[in-house]
Amino acid sequence: MAAKEGGSEGEEFVYRISTAKEWEELQKNGSIFGGELDQSTGCFHLSNLDQGRPTLQKFFMNVKEDLYLLQIDAKKLGDGLIYELVDGVD
């Protein structure tokens, strides 16, 4: 998860931009393995609400399929939620 320096820890929700393919997989199986970046790094990439637009512009500008913004209860992720800085995403 990307966060501003000083952190966005304590936010109620985090967000994930998912492709139509990921959304269909989630609906069918109840879980997803994520996109190429998620699979190559072994973690899901999430954003706080303010990072949604910069994340969309940096990573999804050339995606031709429908995109979905998933809202996730941060408390349900527990200690698995790690905040990191990402270049070009405040």
PDB file of N, CA and C in Angstrom:
ATOM      1  N   MET A   1       0.836  -1.169   0.000  1.00  0.00           N
ATOM      2  CA  MET A   1       0.000   0.000   0.000  1.00  0.00           C
ATOM      3  C   MET A   1       0.877   1.226   0.000  1.00  0.00           C
ATOM      4  N   ALA A   2       0.530   2.178  -0.769  1.00  0.00           N
ATOM      5  CA  ALA A   2       1.278   3.423  -0.798  1.00  0.00           C
ATOM      6  C   ALA A   2       0.668   4.395   0.194  1.00  0.00           C
ATOM      7  N   ALA A   3       1.501   5.172   0.841  1.00  0.00           N
ATOM      8  CA  ALA A   3       1.000   6.162   1.790  1.00  0.00           C
ATOM      9  C   ALA A   3       1.931   7.363   1.795  1.00  0.00           C
ATOM     10  N   LYS A   4       1.392   8.522   2.157  1.00  0.00           N
ATOM     11  CA  LYS A   4       2.227   9.700   2.305  1.00  0.00           C
ATOM     12  C   LYS A   4       3.192   9.475   3.458  1.00  0.00           C
ATOM     13  N   GLU A   5       4.355  10.128   3.376  1.00  0.00           N
ATOM     14  CA  GLU A   5       5.300  10.007   4.472  1.00  0.00           C
ATOM     15  C   GLU A   5       4.609  10.474   5.737  1.00  0.00           C
ATOM     16  N   GLY A   6       4.820   9.773   6.812  1.00  0.00           N
ATOM     17  CA  GLY A   6       4.078  10.051   8.024  1.00  0.00           C
ATOM     18  C   GLY A   6       2.908   9.104   8.131  1.00  0.00           C
ATOM     19  N   GLY A   7       2.538   8.502   7.014  1.00  0.00           N
ATOM     20  CA  GLY A   7       1.564   7.418   7.008  1.00  0.00           C
ATOM     21  C   GLY A   7       0.131   7.862   6.940  1.00  0.00           C
ATOM     22  N   SER A   8      -0.687   6.961   6.453  1.00  0.00           N
ATOM     23  CA  SER A   8      -2.134   7.125   6.441  1.00  0.00           C
ATOM     24  C   SER A   8      -2.743   6.041   7.301  1.00  0.00           C
ATOM     25  N   GLU A   9      -1.911   5.446   8.156  1.00  0.00           N
ATOM     26  CA  GLU A   9      -2.386   4.390   9.028  1.00  0.00           C
ATOM     27  C   GLU A   9      -3.588   4.884   9.807  1.00  0.00           C
ATOM     28  N   GLY A  10      -4.470   3.979  10.113  1.00  0.00           N
ATOM     29  CA  GLY A  10      -5.657   4.331  10.869  1.00  0.00           C
ATOM     30  C   GLY A  10      -6.852   4.671   9.995  1.00  0.00           C
ATOM     31  N   GLU A  11      -6.697   4.656   8.680  1.00  0.00           N
ATOM     32  CA  GLU A  11      -7.834   4.922   7.808  1.00  0.00           C
ATOM     33  C   GLU A  11      -8.809   3.761   7.892  1.00  0.00           C
ATOM     34  N   GLU A  12     -10.089   4.075   7.788  1.00  0.00           N
ATOM     35  CA  GLU A  12     -11.124   3.053   7.909  1.00  0.00           C
ATOM     36  C   GLU A  12     -11.143   2.109   6.712  1.00  0.00           C
ATOM     37  N   PHE A  13     -10.927   2.668   5.516  1.00  0.00           N
ATOM     38  CA  PHE A  13     -10.977   1.865   4.297  1.00  0.00           C
ATOM     39  C   PHE A  13      -9.716   2.071   3.460  1.00  0.00           C
ATOM     40  N   VAL A  14      -9.366   1.056   2.695  1.00  0.00           N
ATOM     41  CA  VAL A  14      -8.353   1.145   1.649  1.00  0.00           C
ATOM     42  C   VAL A  14      -9.040   0.713   0.358  1.00  0.00           C
ATOM     43  N   TYR A  15      -8.412   1.006  -0.770  1.00  0.00           N
ATOM     44  CA  TYR A  15      -9.069   0.797  -2.058  1.00  0.00           C
ATOM     45  C   TYR A  15      -8.158   0.051  -3.018  1.00  0.00           C
ATOM     46  N   ARG A  16      -8.793  -0.697  -3.889  1.00  0.00           N
ATOM     47  CA  ARG A  16      -8.073  -1.437  -4.924  1.00  0.00           C
ATOM     48  C   ARG A  16      -8.750  -1.181  -6.264  1.00  0.00           C
ATOM     49  N   ILE A  17      -7.947  -0.856  -7.253  1.00  0.00           N
ATOM     50  CA  ILE A  17      -8.450  -0.745  -8.617  1.00  0.00           C
ATOM     51  C   ILE A  17      -8.244  -2.109  -9.254  1.00  0.00           C
ATOM     52  N   SER A  18      -9.327  -2.728  -9.674  1.00  0.00           N
ATOM     53  CA  SER A  18      -9.268  -4.069 -10.267  1.00  0.00           C
ATOM     54  C   SER A  18      -9.813  -4.042 -11.683  1.00  0.00           C
ATOM     55  N   THR A  19      -9.268  -4.899 -12.513  1.00  0.00           N
ATOM     56  CA  THR A  19      -9.751  -5.040 -13.885  1.00  0.00           C
ATOM     57  C   THR A  19     -11.031  -5.879 -13.890  1.00  0.00           C
ATOM     58  N   ALA A  20     -11.726  -5.855 -15.007  1.00  0.00           N
ATOM     59  CA  ALA A  20     -12.940  -6.667 -15.153  1.00  0.00           C
ATOM     60  C   ALA A  20     -12.620  -8.147 -14.965  1.00  0.00           C
ATOM     61  N   LYS A  21     -11.467  -8.582 -15.457  1.00  0.00           N
ATOM     62  CA  LYS A  21     -11.059  -9.984 -15.309  1.00  0.00           C
ATOM     63  C   LYS A  21     -10.897 -10.346 -13.829  1.00  0.00           C
ATOM     64  N   GLU A  22     -10.235  -9.484 -13.065  1.00  0.00           N
ATOM     65  CA  GLU A  22     -10.075  -9.730 -11.626  1.00  0.00           C
ATOM     66  C   GLU A  22     -11.422  -9.736 -10.916  1.00  0.00           C
ATOM     67  N   TRP A  23     -12.307  -8.813 -11.295  1.00  0.00           N
ATOM     68  CA  TRP A  23     -13.636  -8.731 -10.681  1.00  0.00           C
ATOM     69  C   TRP A  23     -14.429 -10.006 -10.951  1.00  0.00           C
ATOM     70  N   GLU A  24     -14.383 -10.489 -12.186  1.00  0.00           N
ATOM     71  CA  GLU A  24     -15.084 -11.733 -12.530  1.00  0.00           C
ATOM     72  C   GLU A  24     -14.533 -12.905 -11.723  1.00  0.00           C
ATOM     73  N   GLU A  25     -13.211 -12.968 -11.583  1.00  0.00           N
ATOM     74  CA  GLU A  25     -12.580 -14.031 -10.791  1.00  0.00           C
ATOM     75  C   GLU A  25     -13.025 -13.952  -9.330  1.00  0.00           C
ATOM     76  N   LEU A  26     -13.091 -12.749  -8.796  1.00  0.00           N
ATOM     77  CA  LEU A  26     -13.531 -12.557  -7.412  1.00  0.00           C
ATOM     78  C   LEU A  26     -14.973 -13.013  -7.233  1.00  0.00           C
ATOM     79  N   GLN A  27     -15.838 -12.672  -8.176  1.00  0.00           N
ATOM     80  CA  GLN A  27     -17.242 -13.075  -8.095  1.00  0.00           C
ATOM     81  C   GLN A  27     -17.398 -14.589  -8.209  1.00  0.00           C
ATOM     82  N   LYS A  28     -16.596 -15.206  -9.041  1.00  0.00           N
ATOM     83  CA  LYS A  28     -16.687 -16.646  -9.276  1.00  0.00           C
ATOM     84  C   LYS A  28     -16.090 -17.458  -8.130  1.00  0.00           C
ATOM     85  N   ASN A  29     -14.918 -17.053  -7.640  1.00  0.00           N
ATOM     86  CA  ASN A  29     -14.162 -17.859  -6.681  1.00  0.00           C
ATOM     87  C   ASN A  29     -14.160 -17.322  -5.251  1.00  0.00           C
ATOM     88  N   GLY A  30     -14.584 -16.078  -5.069  1.00  0.00           N
ATOM     89  CA  GLY A  30     -14.552 -15.483  -3.734  1.00  0.00           C
ATOM     90  C   GLY A  30     -13.189 -14.940  -3.351  1.00  0.00           C
ATOM     91  N   SER A  31     -12.214 -15.029  -4.254  1.00  0.00           N
ATOM     92  CA  SER A  31     -10.879 -14.485  -4.017  1.00  0.00           C
ATOM     93  C   SER A  31     -10.202 -14.238  -5.362  1.00  0.00           C
ATOM     94  N   ILE A  32      -9.127 -13.447  -5.320  1.00  0.00           N
ATOM     95  CA  ILE A  32      -8.359 -13.184  -6.538  1.00  0.00           C
ATOM     96  C   ILE A  32      -6.872 -13.265  -6.217  1.00  0.00           C
ATOM     97  N   PHE A  33      -6.085 -13.495  -7.247  1.00  0.00           N
ATOM     98  CA  PHE A  33      -4.629 -13.504  -7.102  1.00  0.00           C
ATOM     99  C   PHE A  33      -4.028 -12.175  -7.531  1.00  0.00           C
ATOM    100  N   GLY A  34      -4.858 -11.256  -8.006  1.00  0.00           N
ATOM    101  CA  GLY A  34      -4.374  -9.949  -8.407  1.00  0.00           C
ATOM    102  C   GLY A  34      -3.822  -9.935  -9.813  1.00  0.00           C
ATOM    103  N   GLY A  35      -3.284  -8.775 -10.171  1.00  0.00           N
ATOM    104  CA  GLY A  35      -2.706  -8.598 -11.492  1.00  0.00           C
ATOM    105  C   GLY A  35      -1.246  -9.011 -11.530  1.00  0.00           C
ATOM    106  N   GLU A  36      -0.594  -8.714 -12.639  1.00  0.00           N
ATOM    107  CA  GLU A  36       0.811  -9.106 -12.830  1.00  0.00           C
ATOM    108  C   GLU A  36       1.716  -8.537 -11.746  1.00  0.00           C
ATOM    109  N   LEU A  37       1.550  -7.262 -11.406  1.00  0.00           N
ATOM    110  CA  LEU A  37       2.387  -6.641 -10.378  1.00  0.00           C
ATOM    111  C   LEU A  37       2.183  -7.317  -9.025  1.00  0.00           C
ATOM    112  N   ASP A  38       0.936  -7.596  -8.683  1.00  0.00           N
ATOM    113  CA  ASP A  38       0.643  -8.270  -7.413  1.00  0.00           C
ATOM    114  C   ASP A  38       1.289  -9.655  -7.373  1.00  0.00           C
ATOM    115  N   GLN A  39       1.138 -10.386  -8.446  1.00  0.00           N
ATOM    116  CA  GLN A  39       1.675 -11.747  -8.497  1.00  0.00           C
ATOM    117  C   GLN A  39       3.202 -11.747  -8.466  1.00  0.00           C
ATOM    118  N   SER A  40       3.828 -10.791  -9.131  1.00  0.00           N
ATOM    119  CA  SER A  40       5.298 -10.766  -9.173  1.00  0.00           C
ATOM    120  C   SER A  40       5.911 -10.328  -7.849  1.00  0.00           C
ATOM    121  N   THR A  41       5.178  -9.533  -7.062  1.00  0.00           N
ATOM    122  CA  THR A  41       5.711  -9.063  -5.778  1.00  0.00           C
ATOM    123  C   THR A  41       5.185  -9.861  -4.594  1.00  0.00           C
ATOM    124  N   GLY A  42       4.147 -10.650  -4.823  1.00  0.00           N
ATOM    125  CA  GLY A  42       3.596 -11.467  -3.745  1.00  0.00           C
ATOM    126  C   GLY A  42       2.730 -10.707  -2.762  1.00  0.00           C
ATOM    127  N   CYS A  43       2.236  -9.540  -3.170  1.00  0.00           N
ATOM    128  CA  CYS A  43       1.326  -8.792  -2.292  1.00  0.00           C
ATOM    129  C   CYS A  43       0.320  -8.011  -3.136  1.00  0.00           C
ATOM    130  N   PHE A  44      -0.810  -7.677  -2.520  1.00  0.00           N
ATOM    131  CA  PHE A  44      -1.824  -6.877  -3.190  1.00  0.00           C
ATOM    132  C   PHE A  44      -1.506  -5.408  -2.987  1.00  0.00           C
ATOM    133  N   HIS A  45      -1.690  -4.626  -4.021  1.00  0.00           N
ATOM    134  CA  HIS A  45      -1.416  -3.206  -3.965  1.00  0.00           C
ATOM    135  C   HIS A  45      -2.722  -2.449  -3.771  1.00  0.00           C
ATOM    136  N   LEU A  46      -2.759  -1.666  -2.717  1.00  0.00           N
ATOM    137  CA  LEU A  46      -3.943  -0.913  -2.325  1.00  0.00           C
ATOM    138  C   LEU A  46      -3.588   0.563  -2.241  1.00  0.00           C
ATOM    139  N   SER A  47      -4.611   1.403  -2.154  1.00  0.00           N
ATOM    140  CA  SER A  47      -4.408   2.845  -2.038  1.00  0.00           C
ATOM    141  C   SER A  47      -5.365   3.399  -1.005  1.00  0.00           C
ATOM    142  N   ASN A  48      -5.011   4.583  -0.469  1.00  0.00           N
ATOM    143  CA  ASN A  48      -6.034   5.294   0.289  1.00  0.00           C
ATOM    144  C   ASN A  48      -6.856   6.067  -0.746  1.00  0.00           C
ATOM    145  N   LEU A  49      -7.947   6.649  -0.331  1.00  0.00           N
ATOM    146  CA  LEU A  49      -8.858   7.270  -1.296  1.00  0.00           C
ATOM    147  C   LEU A  49      -8.188   8.398  -2.080  1.00  0.00           C
ATOM    148  N   ASP A  50      -7.335   9.186  -1.428  1.00  0.00           N
ATOM    149  CA  ASP A  50      -6.655  10.292  -2.108  1.00  0.00           C
ATOM    150  C   ASP A  50      -5.680   9.817  -3.180  1.00  0.00           C
ATOM    151  N   GLN A  51      -5.224   8.588  -3.085  1.00  0.00           N
ATOM    152  CA  GLN A  51      -4.259   8.058  -4.046  1.00  0.00           C
ATOM    153  C   GLN A  51      -4.921   7.401  -5.253  1.00  0.00           C
ATOM    154  N   GLY A  52      -6.234   7.297  -5.244  1.00  0.00           N
ATOM    155  CA  GLY A  52      -6.942   6.608  -6.321  1.00  0.00           C
ATOM    156  C   GLY A  52      -6.662   7.168  -7.696  1.00  0.00           C
ATOM    157  N   ARG A  53      -6.817   8.463  -7.852  1.00  0.00           N
ATOM    158  CA  ARG A  53      -6.604   9.089  -9.168  1.00  0.00           C
ATOM    159  C   ARG A  53      -5.150   8.976  -9.630  1.00  0.00           C
ATOM    160  N   PRO A  54      -4.142   9.323  -8.782  1.00  0.00           N
ATOM    161  CA  PRO A  54      -2.756   9.151  -9.233  1.00  0.00           C
ATOM    162  C   PRO A  54      -2.411   7.693  -9.565  1.00  0.00           C
ATOM    163  N   THR A  55      -2.948   6.752  -8.804  1.00  0.00           N
ATOM    164  CA  THR A  55      -2.708   5.330  -9.081  1.00  0.00           C
ATOM    165  C   THR A  55      -3.309   4.950 -10.425  1.00  0.00           C
ATOM    166  N   LEU A  56      -4.518   5.417 -10.676  1.00  0.00           N
ATOM    167  CA  LEU A  56      -5.189   5.156 -11.948  1.00  0.00           C
ATOM    168  C   LEU A  56      -4.364   5.708 -13.110  1.00  0.00           C
ATOM    169  N   GLN A  57      -3.884   6.936 -12.963  1.00  0.00           N
ATOM    170  CA  GLN A  57      -3.117   7.569 -14.033  1.00  0.00           C
ATOM    171  C   GLN A  57      -1.765   6.897 -14.255  1.00  0.00           C
ATOM    172  N   LYS A  58      -1.121   6.463 -13.183  1.00  0.00           N
ATOM    173  CA  LYS A  58       0.220   5.876 -13.312  1.00  0.00           C
ATOM    174  C   LYS A  58       0.196   4.436 -13.814  1.00  0.00           C
ATOM    175  N   PHE A  59      -0.784   3.650 -13.377  1.00  0.00           N
ATOM    176  CA  PHE A  59      -0.754   2.214 -13.648  1.00  0.00           C
ATOM    177  C   PHE A  59      -1.856   1.696 -14.576  1.00  0.00           C
ATOM    178  N   PHE A  60      -2.898   2.493 -14.847  1.00  0.00           N
ATOM    179  CA  PHE A  60      -4.045   1.956 -15.577  1.00  0.00           C
ATOM    180  C   PHE A  60      -4.460   2.784 -16.794  1.00  0.00           C
ATOM    181  N   MET A  61      -3.668   3.763 -17.201  1.00  0.00           N
ATOM    182  CA  MET A  61      -4.066   4.648 -18.302  1.00  0.00           C
ATOM    183  C   MET A  61      -4.297   3.913 -19.616  1.00  0.00           C
ATOM    184  N   ASN A  62      -3.576   2.842 -19.860  1.00  0.00           N
ATOM    185  CA  ASN A  62      -3.696   2.137 -21.139  1.00  0.00           C
ATOM    186  C   ASN A  62      -4.553   0.886 -21.057  1.00  0.00           C
ATOM    187  N   VAL A  63      -5.229   0.691 -19.940  1.00  0.00           N
ATOM    188  CA  VAL A  63      -6.102  -0.476 -19.786  1.00  0.00           C
ATOM    189  C   VAL A  63      -7.387  -0.217 -20.565  1.00  0.00           C
ATOM    190  N   LYS A  64      -7.751  -1.149 -21.428  1.00  0.00           N
ATOM    191  CA  LYS A  64      -8.922  -0.978 -22.295  1.00  0.00           C
ATOM    192  C   LYS A  64     -10.194  -1.575 -21.699  1.00  0.00           C
ATOM    193  N   GLU A  65     -10.066  -2.476 -20.722  1.00  0.00           N
ATOM    194  CA  GLU A  65     -11.252  -3.112 -20.145  1.00  0.00           C
ATOM    195  C   GLU A  65     -11.810  -2.272 -18.996  1.00  0.00           C
ATOM    196  N   ASP A  66     -13.015  -2.605 -18.566  1.00  0.00           N
ATOM    197  CA  ASP A  66     -13.630  -1.901 -17.449  1.00  0.00           C
ATOM    198  C   ASP A  66     -12.787  -2.069 -16.196  1.00  0.00           C
ATOM    199  N   LEU A  67     -12.811  -1.032 -15.351  1.00  0.00           N
ATOM    200  CA  LEU A  67     -12.112  -1.072 -14.073  1.00  0.00           C
ATOM    201  C   LEU A  67     -13.123  -0.923 -12.944  1.00  0.00           C
ATOM    202  N   TYR A  68     -12.798  -1.504 -11.808  1.00  0.00           N
ATOM    203  CA  TYR A  68     -13.660  -1.457 -10.632  1.00  0.00           C
ATOM    204  C   TYR A  68     -12.858  -0.918  -9.458  1.00  0.00           C
ATOM    205  N   LEU A  69     -13.473  -0.047  -8.668  1.00  0.00           N
ATOM    206  CA  LEU A  69     -12.855   0.455  -7.447  1.00  0.00           C
ATOM    207  C   LEU A  69     -13.455  -0.318  -6.281  1.00  0.00           C
ATOM    208  N   LEU A  70     -12.625  -1.138  -5.637  1.00  0.00           N
ATOM    209  CA  LEU A  70     -13.080  -1.965  -4.528  1.00  0.00           C
ATOM    210  C   LEU A  70     -12.740  -1.275  -3.215  1.00  0.00           C
ATOM    211  N   GLN A  71     -13.712  -1.171  -2.329  1.00  0.00           N
ATOM    212  CA  GLN A  71     -13.520  -0.583  -1.006  1.00  0.00           C
ATOM    213  C   GLN A  71     -13.341  -1.721  -0.004  1.00  0.00           C
ATOM    214  N   ILE A  72     -12.249  -1.684   0.750  1.00  0.00           N
ATOM    215  CA  ILE A  72     -11.893  -2.774   1.657  1.00  0.00           C
ATOM    216  C   ILE A  72     -11.784  -2.238   3.074  1.00  0.00           C
ATOM    217  N   ASP A  73     -12.405  -2.921   4.021  1.00  0.00           N
ATOM    218  CA  ASP A  73     -12.334  -2.553   5.430  1.00  0.00           C
ATOM    219  C   ASP A  73     -10.910  -2.815   5.923  1.00  0.00           C
ATOM    220  N   ALA A  74     -10.173  -1.758   6.229  1.00  0.00           N
ATOM    221  CA  ALA A  74      -8.766  -1.889   6.620  1.00  0.00           C
ATOM    222  C   ALA A  74      -8.600  -2.713   7.894  1.00  0.00           C
ATOM    223  N   LYS A  75      -9.561  -2.653   8.795  1.00  0.00           N
ATOM    224  CA  LYS A  75      -9.457  -3.409  10.053  1.00  0.00           C
ATOM    225  C   LYS A  75      -9.426  -4.909   9.805  1.00  0.00           C
ATOM    226  N   LYS A  76     -10.094  -5.359   8.751  1.00  0.00           N
ATOM    227  CA  LYS A  76     -10.131  -6.793   8.450  1.00  0.00           C
ATOM    228  C   LYS A  76      -8.790  -7.312   7.936  1.00  0.00           C
ATOM    229  N   LEU A  77      -7.910  -6.424   7.508  1.00  0.00           N
ATOM    230  CA  LEU A  77      -6.594  -6.833   7.027  1.00  0.00           C
ATOM    231  C   LEU A  77      -5.596  -6.986   8.171  1.00  0.00           C
ATOM    232  N   GLY A  78      -5.896  -6.384   9.307  1.00  0.00           N
ATOM    233  CA  GLY A  78      -5.049  -6.523  10.493  1.00  0.00           C
ATOM    234  C   GLY A  78      -3.611  -6.123  10.247  1.00  0.00           C
ATOM    235  N   ASP A  79      -2.694  -6.936  10.756  1.00  0.00           N
ATOM    236  CA  ASP A  79      -1.260  -6.654  10.643  1.00  0.00           C
ATOM    237  C   ASP A  79      -0.730  -6.862   9.230  1.00  0.00           C
ATOM    238  N   GLY A  80      -1.543  -7.396   8.336  1.00  0.00           N
ATOM    239  CA  GLY A  80      -1.106  -7.637   6.968  1.00  0.00           C
ATOM    240  C   GLY A  80      -1.054  -6.385   6.114  1.00  0.00           C
ATOM    241  N   LEU A  81      -1.552  -5.273   6.633  1.00  0.00           N
ATOM    242  CA  LEU A  81      -1.578  -4.019   5.885  1.00  0.00           C
ATOM    243  C   LEU A  81      -0.303  -3.238   6.172  1.00  0.00           C
ATOM    244  N   ILE A  82       0.511  -3.050   5.148  1.00  0.00           N
ATOM    245  CA  ILE A  82       1.786  -2.351   5.279  1.00  0.00           C
ATOM    246  C   ILE A  82       1.739  -1.109   4.393  1.00  0.00           C
ATOM    247  N   TYR A  83       2.111   0.035   4.958  1.00  0.00           N
ATOM    248  CA  TYR A  83       2.109   1.290   4.221  1.00  0.00           C
ATOM    249  C   TYR A  83       3.501   1.574   3.682  1.00  0.00           C
ATOM    250  N   GLU A  84       3.584   1.849   2.368  1.00  0.00           N
ATOM    251  CA  GLU A  84       4.860   2.142   1.718  1.00  0.00           C
ATOM    252  C   GLU A  84       4.705   3.354   0.806  1.00  0.00           C
ATOM    253  N   LEU A  85       5.799   4.057   0.581  1.00  0.00           N
ATOM    254  CA  LEU A  85       5.808   5.165  -0.363  1.00  0.00           C
ATOM    255  C   LEU A  85       5.961   4.630  -1.777  1.00  0.00           C
ATOM    256  N   VAL A  86       5.289   5.279  -2.726  1.00  0.00           N
ATOM    257  CA  VAL A  86       5.396   4.914  -4.140  1.00  0.00           C
ATOM    258  C   VAL A  86       5.737   6.178  -4.914  1.00  0.00           C
ATOM    259  N   ASP A  87       6.774   6.125  -5.735  1.00  0.00           N
ATOM    260  CA  ASP A  87       7.161   7.284  -6.537  1.00  0.00           C
ATOM    261  C   ASP A  87       6.009   7.728  -7.423  1.00  0.00           C
ATOM    262  N   GLY A  88       5.719   9.018  -7.404  1.00  0.00           N
ATOM    263  CA  GLY A  88       4.704   9.574  -8.276  1.00  0.00           C
ATOM    264  C   GLY A  88       3.282   9.399  -7.797  1.00  0.00           C
ATOM    265  N   VAL A  89       3.095   8.803  -6.618  1.00  0.00           N
ATOM    266  CA  VAL A  89       1.754   8.649  -6.045  1.00  0.00           C
ATOM    267  C   VAL A  89       1.815   9.196  -4.633  1.00  0.00           C
ATOM    268  N   ASP A  90       1.166  10.339  -4.412  1.00  0.00           N
ATOM    269  CA  ASP A  90       1.193  10.960  -3.076  1.00  0.00           C
ATOM    270  C   ASP A  90       0.311  10.217  -2.120  1.00  0.00           C
TER     271      ASP A  90
END
